[in-house]
Amino acid sequence: TSDAGSDFKQLGRLDPATGSFTPVSREA
């Protein structure tokens, strides 16, 4: 879970090579 790119924490995938976070949840 991360707040990368959002004010709230979402569940998503973290790329170990690039560090990019891709949210999967779309919660408010």
PDB file of all heavy atoms in Angstrom:
ATOM      1  N   THR A   1       0.868  -1.180   0.000  1.00  0.00           N
ATOM      2  CA  THR A   1       0.000   0.000   0.000  1.00  0.00           C
ATOM      3  C   THR A   1       0.904   1.228   0.000  1.00  0.00           C
ATOM      4  O   THR A   1       1.946   1.248   0.662  1.00  0.00           O
ATOM      5  CB  THR A   1      -0.952   0.045   1.203  1.00  0.00           C
ATOM      6  OG1 THR A   1      -0.200   0.144   2.419  1.00  0.00           O
ATOM      7  CG2 THR A   1      -1.828  -1.189   1.238  1.00  0.00           C
ATOM      8  N   SER A   2       0.503   2.258  -0.749  1.00  0.00           N
ATOM      9  CA  SER A   2       1.326   3.451  -0.866  1.00  0.00           C
ATOM     10  C   SER A   2       0.478   4.662  -1.213  1.00  0.00           C
ATOM     11  O   SER A   2      -0.586   4.537  -1.842  1.00  0.00           O
ATOM     12  CB  SER A   2       2.397   3.255  -1.948  1.00  0.00           C
ATOM     13  OG  SER A   2       3.179   4.429  -2.099  1.00  0.00           O
ATOM     14  N   ASP A   3       0.963   5.832  -0.791  1.00  0.00           N
ATOM     15  CA  ASP A   3       0.307   7.088  -1.166  1.00  0.00           C
ATOM     16  C   ASP A   3       1.025   7.768  -2.338  1.00  0.00           C
ATOM     17  O   ASP A   3       0.789   8.947  -2.605  1.00  0.00           O
ATOM     18  CB  ASP A   3       0.212   8.027   0.036  1.00  0.00           C
ATOM     19  CG  ASP A   3       1.575   8.419   0.607  1.00  0.00           C
ATOM     20  OD1 ASP A   3       2.607   8.134  -0.037  1.00  0.00           O
ATOM     21  OD2 ASP A   3       1.615   9.001   1.706  1.00  0.00           O
ATOM     22  N   ALA A   4       1.873   7.012  -3.048  1.00  0.00           N
ATOM     23  CA  ALA A   4       2.552   7.575  -4.218  1.00  0.00           C
ATOM     24  C   ALA A   4       1.519   8.053  -5.236  1.00  0.00           C
ATOM     25  O   ALA A   4       0.675   7.290  -5.687  1.00  0.00           O
ATOM     26  CB  ALA A   4       3.466   6.525  -4.849  1.00  0.00           C
ATOM     27  N   GLY A   5       1.560   9.331  -5.548  1.00  0.00           N
ATOM     28  CA  GLY A   5       0.635   9.892  -6.526  1.00  0.00           C
ATOM     29  C   GLY A   5      -0.772  10.089  -6.028  1.00  0.00           C
ATOM     30  O   GLY A   5      -1.680  10.367  -6.812  1.00  0.00           O
ATOM     31  N   SER A   6      -1.003   9.962  -4.723  1.00  0.00           N
ATOM     32  CA  SER A   6      -2.360  10.074  -4.179  1.00  0.00           C
ATOM     33  C   SER A   6      -2.291  10.635  -2.768  1.00  0.00           C
ATOM     34  O   SER A   6      -1.263  10.536  -2.092  1.00  0.00           O
ATOM     35  CB  SER A   6      -3.029   8.696  -4.158  1.00  0.00           C
ATOM     36  OG  SER A   6      -4.249   8.725  -3.442  1.00  0.00           O
ATOM     37  N   ASP A   7      -3.384  11.232  -2.320  1.00  0.00           N
ATOM     38  CA  ASP A   7      -3.426  11.713  -0.942  1.00  0.00           C
ATOM     39  C   ASP A   7      -3.739  10.578   0.020  1.00  0.00           C
ATOM     40  O   ASP A   7      -3.489  10.688   1.225  1.00  0.00           O
ATOM     41  CB  ASP A   7      -4.466  12.824  -0.799  1.00  0.00           C
ATOM     42  CG  ASP A   7      -4.183  13.735   0.392  1.00  0.00           C
ATOM     43  OD1 ASP A   7      -2.997  14.061   0.620  1.00  0.00           O
ATOM     44  OD2 ASP A   7      -5.135  14.097   1.105  1.00  0.00           O
ATOM     45  N   PHE A   8      -4.295   9.475  -0.511  1.00  0.00           N
ATOM     46  CA  PHE A   8      -4.645   8.323   0.318  1.00  0.00           C
ATOM     47  C   PHE A   8      -3.890   7.093  -0.159  1.00  0.00           C
ATOM     48  O   PHE A   8      -3.527   6.980  -1.331  1.00  0.00           O
ATOM     49  CB  PHE A   8      -6.159   8.065   0.270  1.00  0.00           C
ATOM     50  CG  PHE A   8      -6.968   9.098   0.991  1.00  0.00           C
ATOM     51  CD1 PHE A   8      -7.408  10.244   0.341  1.00  0.00           C
ATOM     52  CD2 PHE A   8      -7.288   8.943   2.333  1.00  0.00           C
ATOM     53  CE1 PHE A   8      -8.149  11.207   1.007  1.00  0.00           C
ATOM     54  CE2 PHE A   8      -8.022   9.897   3.014  1.00  0.00           C
ATOM     55  CZ  PHE A   8      -8.457  11.035   2.349  1.00  0.00           C
ATOM     56  N   LYS A   9      -3.671   6.153   0.744  1.00  0.00           N
ATOM     57  CA  LYS A   9      -2.954   4.932   0.411  1.00  0.00           C
ATOM     58  C   LYS A   9      -3.825   3.995  -0.417  1.00  0.00           C
ATOM     59  O   LYS A   9      -4.972   3.719  -0.056  1.00  0.00           O
ATOM     60  CB  LYS A   9      -2.503   4.207   1.686  1.00  0.00           C
ATOM     61  CG  LYS A   9      -1.333   4.848   2.381  1.00  0.00           C
ATOM     62  CD  LYS A   9      -0.846   3.964   3.518  1.00  0.00           C
ATOM     63  CE  LYS A   9       0.395   4.538   4.171  1.00  0.00           C
ATOM     64  NZ  LYS A   9       0.905   3.661   5.254  1.00  0.00           N
ATOM     65  N   GLN A  10      -3.257   3.511  -1.512  1.00  0.00           N
ATOM     66  CA  GLN A  10      -3.916   2.533  -2.360  1.00  0.00           C
ATOM     67  C   GLN A  10      -3.123   1.226  -2.341  1.00  0.00           C
ATOM     68  O   GLN A  10      -1.936   1.203  -2.007  1.00  0.00           O
ATOM     69  CB  GLN A  10      -4.026   3.054  -3.793  1.00  0.00           C
ATOM     70  CG  GLN A  10      -4.808   4.344  -3.943  1.00  0.00           C
ATOM     71  CD  GLN A  10      -6.279   4.189  -3.588  1.00  0.00           C
ATOM     72  OE1 GLN A  10      -6.838   3.101  -3.674  1.00  0.00           O
ATOM     73  NE2 GLN A  10      -6.914   5.282  -3.195  1.00  0.00           N
ATOM     74  N   LEU A  11      -3.776   0.159  -2.707  1.00  0.00           N
ATOM     75  CA  LEU A  11      -3.118  -1.125  -2.883  1.00  0.00           C
ATOM     76  C   LEU A  11      -2.627  -1.230  -4.317  1.00  0.00           C
ATOM     77  O   LEU A  11      -3.362  -0.899  -5.259  1.00  0.00           O
ATOM     78  CB  LEU A  11      -4.101  -2.260  -2.592  1.00  0.00           C
ATOM     79  CG  LEU A  11      -3.627  -3.682  -2.913  1.00  0.00           C
ATOM     80  CD1 LEU A  11      -2.519  -4.108  -1.961  1.00  0.00           C
ATOM     81  CD2 LEU A  11      -4.798  -4.655  -2.857  1.00  0.00           C
ATOM     82  N   GLY A  12      -1.390  -1.684  -4.480  1.00  0.00           N
ATOM     83  CA  GLY A  12      -0.885  -1.801  -5.838  1.00  0.00           C
ATOM     84  C   GLY A  12       0.405  -2.588  -5.919  1.00  0.00           C
ATOM     85  O   GLY A  12       0.898  -3.143  -4.930  1.00  0.00           O
ATOM     86  N   ARG A  13       0.964  -2.627  -7.122  1.00  0.00           N
ATOM     87  CA  ARG A  13       2.208  -3.350  -7.395  1.00  0.00           C
ATOM     88  C   ARG A  13       3.386  -2.378  -7.375  1.00  0.00           C
ATOM     89  O   ARG A  13       3.291  -1.258  -7.879  1.00  0.00           O
ATOM     90  CB  ARG A  13       2.136  -4.045  -8.758  1.00  0.00           C
ATOM     91  CG  ARG A  13       1.035  -5.090  -8.881  1.00  0.00           C
ATOM     92  CD  ARG A  13       1.034  -5.686 -10.285  1.00  0.00           C
ATOM     93  NE  ARG A  13       0.021  -6.728 -10.456  1.00  0.00           N
ATOM     94  CZ  ARG A  13      -1.225  -6.511 -10.872  1.00  0.00           C
ATOM     95  NH1 ARG A  13      -1.603  -5.258 -11.171  1.00  0.00           N
ATOM     96  NH2 ARG A  13      -2.074  -7.507 -11.001  1.00  0.00           N
ATOM     97  N   LEU A  14       4.500  -2.848  -6.825  1.00  0.00           N
ATOM     98  CA  LEU A  14       5.726  -2.062  -6.784  1.00  0.00           C
ATOM     99  C   LEU A  14       6.769  -2.756  -7.646  1.00  0.00           C
ATOM    100  O   LEU A  14       7.109  -3.924  -7.410  1.00  0.00           O
ATOM    101  CB  LEU A  14       6.224  -1.941  -5.341  1.00  0.00           C
ATOM    102  CG  LEU A  14       7.484  -1.102  -5.117  1.00  0.00           C
ATOM    103  CD1 LEU A  14       7.253   0.356  -5.498  1.00  0.00           C
ATOM    104  CD2 LEU A  14       7.939  -1.210  -3.662  1.00  0.00           C
ATOM    105  N   ASP A  15       7.267  -2.055  -8.646  1.00  0.00           N
ATOM    106  CA  ASP A  15       8.271  -2.617  -9.548  1.00  0.00           C
ATOM    107  C   ASP A  15       9.638  -2.545  -8.874  1.00  0.00           C
ATOM    108  O   ASP A  15      10.149  -1.445  -8.615  1.00  0.00           O
ATOM    109  CB  ASP A  15       8.291  -1.827 -10.859  1.00  0.00           C
ATOM    110  CG  ASP A  15       9.182  -2.452 -11.920  1.00  0.00           C
ATOM    111  OD1 ASP A  15      10.223  -3.036 -11.548  1.00  0.00           O
ATOM    112  OD2 ASP A  15       8.860  -2.348 -13.119  1.00  0.00           O
ATOM    113  N   PRO A  16      10.268  -3.695  -8.578  1.00  0.00           N
ATOM    114  CA  PRO A  16      11.552  -3.659  -7.865  1.00  0.00           C
ATOM    115  C   PRO A  16      12.686  -3.092  -8.694  1.00  0.00           C
ATOM    116  O   PRO A  16      13.715  -2.687  -8.139  1.00  0.00           O
ATOM    117  CB  PRO A  16      11.796  -5.135  -7.521  1.00  0.00           C
ATOM    118  CG  PRO A  16      11.026  -5.899  -8.543  1.00  0.00           C
ATOM    119  CD  PRO A  16       9.820  -5.066  -8.860  1.00  0.00           C
ATOM    120  N   ALA A  17      12.533  -3.051 -10.000  1.00  0.00           N
ATOM    121  CA  ALA A  17      13.595  -2.534 -10.865  1.00  0.00           C
ATOM    122  C   ALA A  17      13.538  -1.019 -10.992  1.00  0.00           C
ATOM    123  O   ALA A  17      14.561  -0.329 -10.920  1.00  0.00           O
ATOM    124  CB  ALA A  17      13.504  -3.177 -12.243  1.00  0.00           C
ATOM    125  N   THR A  18      12.334  -0.479 -11.169  1.00  0.00           N
ATOM    126  CA  THR A  18      12.191   0.960 -11.409  1.00  0.00           C
ATOM    127  C   THR A  18      11.695   1.728 -10.191  1.00  0.00           C
ATOM    128  O   THR A  18      11.812   2.953 -10.138  1.00  0.00           O
ATOM    129  CB  THR A  18      11.214   1.209 -12.568  1.00  0.00           C
ATOM    130  OG1 THR A  18       9.896   0.779 -12.174  1.00  0.00           O
ATOM    131  CG2 THR A  18      11.645   0.444 -13.811  1.00  0.00           C
ATOM    132  N   GLY A  19      11.078   1.012  -9.243  1.00  0.00           N
ATOM    133  CA  GLY A  19      10.489   1.681  -8.089  1.00  0.00           C
ATOM    134  C   GLY A  19       9.141   2.304  -8.380  1.00  0.00           C
ATOM    135  O   GLY A  19       8.567   2.970  -7.510  1.00  0.00           O
ATOM    136  N   SER A  20       8.607   2.092  -9.565  1.00  0.00           N
ATOM    137  CA  SER A  20       7.304   2.675  -9.890  1.00  0.00           C
ATOM    138  C   SER A  20       6.190   1.899  -9.194  1.00  0.00           C
ATOM    139  O   SER A  20       6.234   0.672  -9.078  1.00  0.00           O
ATOM    140  CB  SER A  20       7.076   2.671 -11.397  1.00  0.00           C
ATOM    141  OG  SER A  20       7.050   1.359 -11.900  1.00  0.00           O
ATOM    142  N   PHE A  21       5.211   2.630  -8.726  1.00  0.00           N
ATOM    143  CA  PHE A  21       4.064   2.055  -8.031  1.00  0.00           C
ATOM    144  C   PHE A  21       2.844   2.155  -8.929  1.00  0.00           C
ATOM    145  O   PHE A  21       2.506   3.240  -9.417  1.00  0.00           O
ATOM    146  CB  PHE A  21       3.807   2.786  -6.713  1.00  0.00           C
ATOM    147  CG  PHE A  21       2.548   2.354  -5.995  1.00  0.00           C
ATOM    148  CD1 PHE A  21       2.475   1.118  -5.376  1.00  0.00           C
ATOM    149  CD2 PHE A  21       1.438   3.189  -5.945  1.00  0.00           C
ATOM    150  CE1 PHE A  21       1.321   0.715  -4.720  1.00  0.00           C
ATOM    151  CE2 PHE A  21       0.285   2.800  -5.290  1.00  0.00           C
ATOM    152  CZ  PHE A  21       0.221   1.560  -4.677  1.00  0.00           C
ATOM    153  N   THR A  22       2.183   1.016  -9.155  1.00  0.00           N
ATOM    154  CA  THR A  22       0.982   0.986  -9.982  1.00  0.00           C
ATOM    155  C   THR A  22      -0.206   0.638  -9.111  1.00  0.00           C
ATOM    156  O   THR A  22      -0.359  -0.521  -8.683  1.00  0.00           O
ATOM    157  CB  THR A  22       1.105  -0.052 -11.109  1.00  0.00           C
ATOM    158  OG1 THR A  22       2.269   0.232 -11.882  1.00  0.00           O
ATOM    159  CG2 THR A  22      -0.122  -0.018 -12.002  1.00  0.00           C
ATOM    160  N   PRO A  23      -1.058   1.612  -8.786  1.00  0.00           N
ATOM    161  CA  PRO A  23      -2.202   1.294  -7.923  1.00  0.00           C
ATOM    162  C   PRO A  23      -3.194   0.388  -8.623  1.00  0.00           C
ATOM    163  O   PRO A  23      -3.422   0.500  -9.829  1.00  0.00           O
ATOM    164  CB  PRO A  23      -2.809   2.666  -7.626  1.00  0.00           C
ATOM    165  CG  PRO A  23      -2.362   3.545  -8.750  1.00  0.00           C
ATOM    166  CD  PRO A  23      -1.030   3.031  -9.178  1.00  0.00           C
ATOM    167  N   VAL A  24      -3.769  -0.507  -7.864  1.00  0.00           N
ATOM    168  CA  VAL A  24      -4.811  -1.401  -8.368  1.00  0.00           C
ATOM    169  C   VAL A  24      -6.158  -1.028  -7.761  1.00  0.00           C
ATOM    170  O   VAL A  24      -7.180  -1.053  -8.432  1.00  0.00           O
ATOM    171  CB  VAL A  24      -4.456  -2.870  -8.067  1.00  0.00           C
ATOM    172  CG1 VAL A  24      -5.610  -3.797  -8.436  1.00  0.00           C
ATOM    173  CG2 VAL A  24      -3.198  -3.274  -8.829  1.00  0.00           C
ATOM    174  N   SER A  25      -6.158  -0.683  -6.486  1.00  0.00           N
ATOM    175  CA  SER A  25      -7.404  -0.238  -5.864  1.00  0.00           C
ATOM    176  C   SER A  25      -7.707   1.188  -6.299  1.00  0.00           C
ATOM    177  O   SER A  25      -6.814   1.946  -6.691  1.00  0.00           O
ATOM    178  CB  SER A  25      -7.306  -0.313  -4.338  1.00  0.00           C
ATOM    179  OG  SER A  25      -6.348   0.605  -3.850  1.00  0.00           O
ATOM    180  N   ARG A  26      -8.976   1.561  -6.205  1.00  0.00           N
ATOM    181  CA  ARG A  26      -9.417   2.919  -6.534  1.00  0.00           C
ATOM    182  C   ARG A  26     -10.334   3.404  -5.417  1.00  0.00           C
ATOM    183  O   ARG A  26     -11.496   3.731  -5.628  1.00  0.00           O
ATOM    184  CB  ARG A  26     -10.154   2.939  -7.885  1.00  0.00           C
ATOM    185  CG  ARG A  26      -9.283   2.599  -9.089  1.00  0.00           C
ATOM    186  CD  ARG A  26      -8.279   3.693  -9.403  1.00  0.00           C
ATOM    187  NE  ARG A  26      -7.557   3.448 -10.660  1.00  0.00           N
ATOM    188  CZ  ARG A  26      -6.446   2.756 -10.756  1.00  0.00           C
ATOM    189  NH1 ARG A  26      -5.937   2.193  -9.669  1.00  0.00           N
ATOM    190  NH2 ARG A  26      -5.845   2.578 -11.921  1.00  0.00           N
ATOM    191  N   GLU A  27      -9.808   3.428  -4.219  1.00  0.00           N
ATOM    192  CA  GLU A  27     -10.603   3.777  -3.053  1.00  0.00           C
ATOM    193  C   GLU A  27     -10.494   5.268  -2.746  1.00  0.00           C
ATOM    194  O   GLU A  27      -9.491   5.908  -3.047  1.00  0.00           O
ATOM    195  CB  GLU A  27     -10.154   2.958  -1.836  1.00  0.00           C
ATOM    196  CG  GLU A  27     -10.167   1.446  -2.042  1.00  0.00           C
ATOM    197  CD  GLU A  27     -11.568   0.870  -2.189  1.00  0.00           C
ATOM    198  OE1 GLU A  27     -12.537   1.566  -1.830  1.00  0.00           O
ATOM    199  OE2 GLU A  27     -11.701  -0.279  -2.657  1.00  0.00           O
ATOM    200  N   ALA A  28     -11.523   5.795  -2.115  1.00  0.00           N
ATOM    201  CA  ALA A  28     -11.529   7.203  -1.734  1.00  0.00           C
ATOM    202  C   ALA A  28     -10.914   7.429  -0.355  1.00  0.00           C
ATOM    203  O   ALA A  28     -10.775   8.569   0.084  1.00  0.00           O
ATOM    204  CB  ALA A  28     -12.962   7.739  -1.747  1.00  0.00           C
TER     205      ALA A  28
END
